[in-house]
Amino acid sequence: MENYCAFSKNHTCLKWLDYVITRQELEEADSLCHGNWIEIQRKNQYIRKRQTMRQSLKSTPPIIGDVASCIRPEDYLTMA
């Protein structure tokens, strides 16, 4: 789109400002969407990691007579 119109008195497009504003809004929305998607992916990886840790803690019996037997499963999640 160009800022020229043969039919207006000063030869400027009346819709040019609307076009520029809309384009800037779309660029901003695209960058925000991309940033949100990256954050969602990171949170999904974090959740999968925590779920894997939780499953491994449920299936592993505590070691008796060792320091590890004094640690609760909740403590493992905060140690990572």
N, C-alpha and C. Protein backbone atom coordinates (compact mmCIF):
# COMPACT_ATOMS: atom_id res chain seq x y z
N MET A 1 0.85 -1.17 0.00
CA MET A 1 0.00 0.00 0.00
C MET A 1 0.90 1.23 0.00
N GLU A 2 0.47 2.23 -0.72
CA GLU A 2 1.24 3.47 -0.82
C GLU A 2 0.44 4.63 -0.27
N ASN A 3 1.15 5.64 0.18
CA ASN A 3 0.50 6.84 0.72
C ASN A 3 0.25 7.84 -0.42
N TYR A 4 -0.41 7.39 -1.46
CA TYR A 4 -0.73 8.26 -2.58
C TYR A 4 -2.11 7.93 -3.10
N CYS A 5 -2.87 8.95 -3.34
CA CYS A 5 -4.21 8.78 -3.90
C CYS A 5 -4.46 9.88 -4.93
N ALA A 6 -4.77 9.47 -6.13
CA ALA A 6 -4.99 10.44 -7.21
C ALA A 6 -6.30 11.19 -7.05
N PHE A 7 -7.20 10.70 -6.22
CA PHE A 7 -8.54 11.28 -6.13
C PHE A 7 -8.70 12.27 -4.98
N SER A 8 -7.74 12.37 -4.09
CA SER A 8 -7.87 13.35 -3.00
C SER A 8 -7.16 14.64 -3.37
N LYS A 9 -7.53 15.71 -2.68
CA LYS A 9 -7.01 17.03 -3.01
C LYS A 9 -5.49 17.13 -2.80
N ASN A 10 -4.99 16.57 -1.70
CA ASN A 10 -3.55 16.66 -1.43
C ASN A 10 -2.82 15.37 -1.82
N HIS A 11 -3.49 14.49 -2.52
CA HIS A 11 -2.93 13.24 -3.05
C HIS A 11 -2.41 12.28 -1.97
N THR A 12 -2.97 12.35 -0.79
CA THR A 12 -2.58 11.39 0.26
C THR A 12 -3.73 10.44 0.51
N CYS A 13 -3.37 9.24 0.82
CA CYS A 13 -4.37 8.20 1.07
C CYS A 13 -5.00 8.42 2.45
N LEU A 14 -6.31 8.47 2.50
CA LEU A 14 -7.01 8.70 3.75
C LEU A 14 -6.90 7.50 4.69
N LYS A 15 -6.69 6.34 4.14
CA LYS A 15 -6.63 5.13 4.95
C LYS A 15 -5.20 4.77 5.34
N TRP A 16 -4.22 5.58 4.98
CA TRP A 16 -2.82 5.25 5.25
C TRP A 16 -2.54 5.12 6.73
N LEU A 17 -3.04 6.06 7.54
CA LEU A 17 -2.80 6.01 8.98
C LEU A 17 -3.41 4.74 9.59
N ASP A 18 -4.60 4.39 9.14
CA ASP A 18 -5.22 3.15 9.60
C ASP A 18 -4.36 1.94 9.25
N TYR A 19 -3.82 1.96 8.06
CA TYR A 19 -2.96 0.85 7.61
C TYR A 19 -1.71 0.75 8.48
N VAL A 20 -1.07 1.88 8.73
CA VAL A 20 0.17 1.89 9.52
C VAL A 20 -0.12 1.41 10.95
N ILE A 21 -1.17 1.91 11.55
CA ILE A 21 -1.52 1.52 12.93
C ILE A 21 -1.85 0.03 12.99
N THR A 22 -2.62 -0.45 12.04
CA THR A 22 -2.99 -1.87 12.02
C THR A 22 -1.76 -2.75 11.84
N ARG A 23 -0.85 -2.34 10.97
CA ARG A 23 0.38 -3.12 10.76
C ARG A 23 1.22 -3.18 12.03
N GLN A 24 1.35 -2.05 12.73
CA GLN A 24 2.10 -2.02 13.98
C GLN A 24 1.44 -2.90 15.04
N GLU A 25 0.12 -2.88 15.12
CA GLU A 25 -0.60 -3.72 16.09
C GLU A 25 -0.39 -5.20 15.78
N LEU A 26 -0.40 -5.55 14.50
CA LEU A 26 -0.18 -6.95 14.12
C LEU A 26 1.25 -7.39 14.45
N GLU A 27 2.23 -6.52 14.23
CA GLU A 27 3.61 -6.86 14.57
C GLU A 27 3.77 -7.05 16.07
N GLU A 28 3.13 -6.18 16.86
CA GLU A 28 3.18 -6.30 18.31
C GLU A 28 2.50 -7.59 18.77
N ALA A 29 1.35 -7.88 18.21
CA ALA A 29 0.63 -9.11 18.57
C ALA A 29 1.46 -10.34 18.22
N ASP A 30 2.13 -10.31 17.08
CA ASP A 30 2.97 -11.43 16.66
C ASP A 30 4.12 -11.64 17.64
N SER A 31 4.77 -10.55 18.05
CA SER A 31 5.89 -10.70 18.98
C SER A 31 5.40 -11.18 20.34
N LEU A 32 4.26 -10.69 20.80
CA LEU A 32 3.71 -11.15 22.08
C LEU A 32 3.32 -12.62 22.01
N CYS A 33 2.72 -13.00 20.90
CA CYS A 33 2.31 -14.40 20.73
C CYS A 33 3.53 -15.31 20.74
N HIS A 34 4.58 -14.90 20.05
CA HIS A 34 5.80 -15.70 20.01
C HIS A 34 6.41 -15.83 21.41
N GLY A 35 6.45 -14.73 22.14
CA GLY A 35 6.97 -14.76 23.51
C GLY A 35 6.15 -15.64 24.42
N ASN A 36 4.83 -15.58 24.27
CA ASN A 36 3.96 -16.44 25.07
C ASN A 36 4.18 -17.90 24.73
N TRP A 37 4.37 -18.20 23.46
CA TRP A 37 4.57 -19.59 23.06
C TRP A 37 5.86 -20.14 23.65
N ILE A 38 6.91 -19.33 23.65
CA ILE A 38 8.18 -19.77 24.25
C ILE A 38 7.99 -20.04 25.73
N GLU A 39 7.26 -19.17 26.42
CA GLU A 39 7.00 -19.37 27.86
C GLU A 39 6.19 -20.64 28.09
N ILE A 40 5.19 -20.90 27.26
CA ILE A 40 4.38 -22.11 27.38
C ILE A 40 5.24 -23.35 27.19
N GLN A 41 6.13 -23.34 26.20
CA GLN A 41 7.00 -24.49 25.97
C GLN A 41 7.91 -24.74 27.17
N ARG A 42 8.47 -23.69 27.74
CA ARG A 42 9.34 -23.84 28.92
C ARG A 42 8.58 -24.40 30.11
N LYS A 43 7.36 -23.91 30.30
CA LYS A 43 6.56 -24.41 31.42
C LYS A 43 6.17 -25.88 31.20
N ASN A 44 5.87 -26.25 29.97
CA ASN A 44 5.56 -27.65 29.68
C ASN A 44 6.77 -28.55 29.94
N GLN A 45 7.96 -28.10 29.55
CA GLN A 45 9.16 -28.89 29.84
C GLN A 45 9.37 -29.02 31.34
N TYR A 46 9.16 -27.94 32.08
CA TYR A 46 9.31 -27.97 33.53
C TYR A 46 8.31 -28.94 34.15
N ILE A 47 7.07 -28.91 33.69
CA ILE A 47 6.03 -29.80 34.23
C ILE A 47 6.38 -31.25 33.92
N ARG A 48 6.81 -31.53 32.68
CA ARG A 48 7.19 -32.91 32.33
C ARG A 48 8.34 -33.40 33.19
N LYS A 49 9.30 -32.54 33.43
CA LYS A 49 10.45 -32.91 34.27
C LYS A 49 9.99 -33.22 35.69
N ARG A 50 9.11 -32.38 36.23
CA ARG A 50 8.60 -32.61 37.59
C ARG A 50 7.77 -33.89 37.66
N GLN A 51 6.96 -34.15 36.65
CA GLN A 51 6.16 -35.37 36.64
C GLN A 51 7.05 -36.60 36.58
N THR A 52 8.11 -36.55 35.78
CA THR A 52 9.05 -37.66 35.70
C THR A 52 9.72 -37.89 37.04
N MET A 53 10.13 -36.82 37.69
CA MET A 53 10.74 -36.94 39.01
C MET A 53 9.77 -37.54 40.01
N ARG A 54 8.53 -37.09 39.98
CA ARG A 54 7.53 -37.58 40.91
C ARG A 54 7.27 -39.08 40.68
N GLN A 55 7.18 -39.49 39.41
CA GLN A 55 6.96 -40.90 39.11
C GLN A 55 8.14 -41.74 39.58
N SER A 56 9.35 -41.25 39.39
CA SER A 56 10.52 -42.03 39.82
C SER A 56 10.58 -42.11 41.34
N LEU A 57 10.12 -41.09 42.03
CA LEU A 57 10.11 -41.13 43.50
C LEU A 57 9.07 -42.12 44.02
N LYS A 58 7.94 -42.22 43.33
CA LYS A 58 6.90 -43.15 43.76
C LYS A 58 7.34 -44.59 43.57
N SER A 59 8.15 -44.86 42.55
CA SER A 59 8.53 -46.24 42.26
C SER A 59 9.82 -46.66 42.94
N THR A 60 10.57 -45.74 43.54
CA THR A 60 11.84 -46.06 44.18
C THR A 60 11.66 -46.15 45.70
N PRO A 61 11.93 -47.30 46.30
CA PRO A 61 11.81 -47.39 47.76
C PRO A 61 12.96 -46.65 48.43
N PRO A 62 12.73 -46.08 49.62
CA PRO A 62 13.79 -45.36 50.30
C PRO A 62 14.90 -46.30 50.77
N ILE A 63 16.12 -45.79 50.80
CA ILE A 63 17.27 -46.57 51.25
C ILE A 63 17.32 -46.50 52.78
N ILE A 64 17.31 -47.65 53.43
CA ILE A 64 17.31 -47.67 54.89
C ILE A 64 18.75 -47.57 55.39
N GLY A 65 18.93 -46.73 56.42
CA GLY A 65 20.25 -46.57 57.01
C GLY A 65 21.14 -45.58 56.28
N ASP A 66 20.57 -44.79 55.39
CA ASP A 66 21.34 -43.81 54.64
C ASP A 66 20.69 -42.45 54.81
N VAL A 67 21.40 -41.42 54.46
CA VAL A 67 20.85 -40.07 54.56
C VAL A 67 19.62 -39.92 53.68
N ALA A 68 19.60 -40.62 52.57
CA ALA A 68 18.48 -40.50 51.63
C ALA A 68 17.17 -40.97 52.24
N SER A 69 17.21 -41.85 53.23
CA SER A 69 15.97 -42.34 53.82
C SER A 69 15.30 -41.28 54.68
N CYS A 70 16.03 -40.23 55.05
CA CYS A 70 15.47 -39.15 55.87
C CYS A 70 14.85 -38.05 55.02
N ILE A 71 15.03 -38.13 53.73
CA ILE A 71 14.52 -37.09 52.85
C ILE A 71 13.15 -37.50 52.34
N ARG A 72 12.20 -36.59 52.49
CA ARG A 72 10.84 -36.84 52.02
C ARG A 72 10.77 -36.61 50.51
N PRO A 73 9.81 -37.22 49.82
CA PRO A 73 9.68 -37.02 48.37
C PRO A 73 9.53 -35.54 47.99
N GLU A 74 8.86 -34.76 48.85
CA GLU A 74 8.69 -33.34 48.55
C GLU A 74 10.04 -32.62 48.51
N ASP A 75 10.98 -33.09 49.34
CA ASP A 75 12.30 -32.45 49.38
C ASP A 75 13.08 -32.70 48.09
N TYR A 76 12.87 -33.86 47.46
CA TYR A 76 13.55 -34.15 46.20
C TYR A 76 13.16 -33.13 45.13
N LEU A 77 11.89 -32.75 45.14
CA LEU A 77 11.41 -31.82 44.11
C LEU A 77 12.03 -30.43 44.27
N THR A 78 12.35 -30.05 45.50
CA THR A 78 12.95 -28.72 45.71
C THR A 78 14.46 -28.77 45.55
N MET A 79 15.06 -29.95 45.52
CA MET A 79 16.51 -30.06 45.40
C MET A 79 16.99 -29.87 43.96
N ALA A 80 16.11 -30.10 42.98
CA ALA A 80 16.52 -30.06 41.56
C ALA A 80 16.83 -28.68 41.10
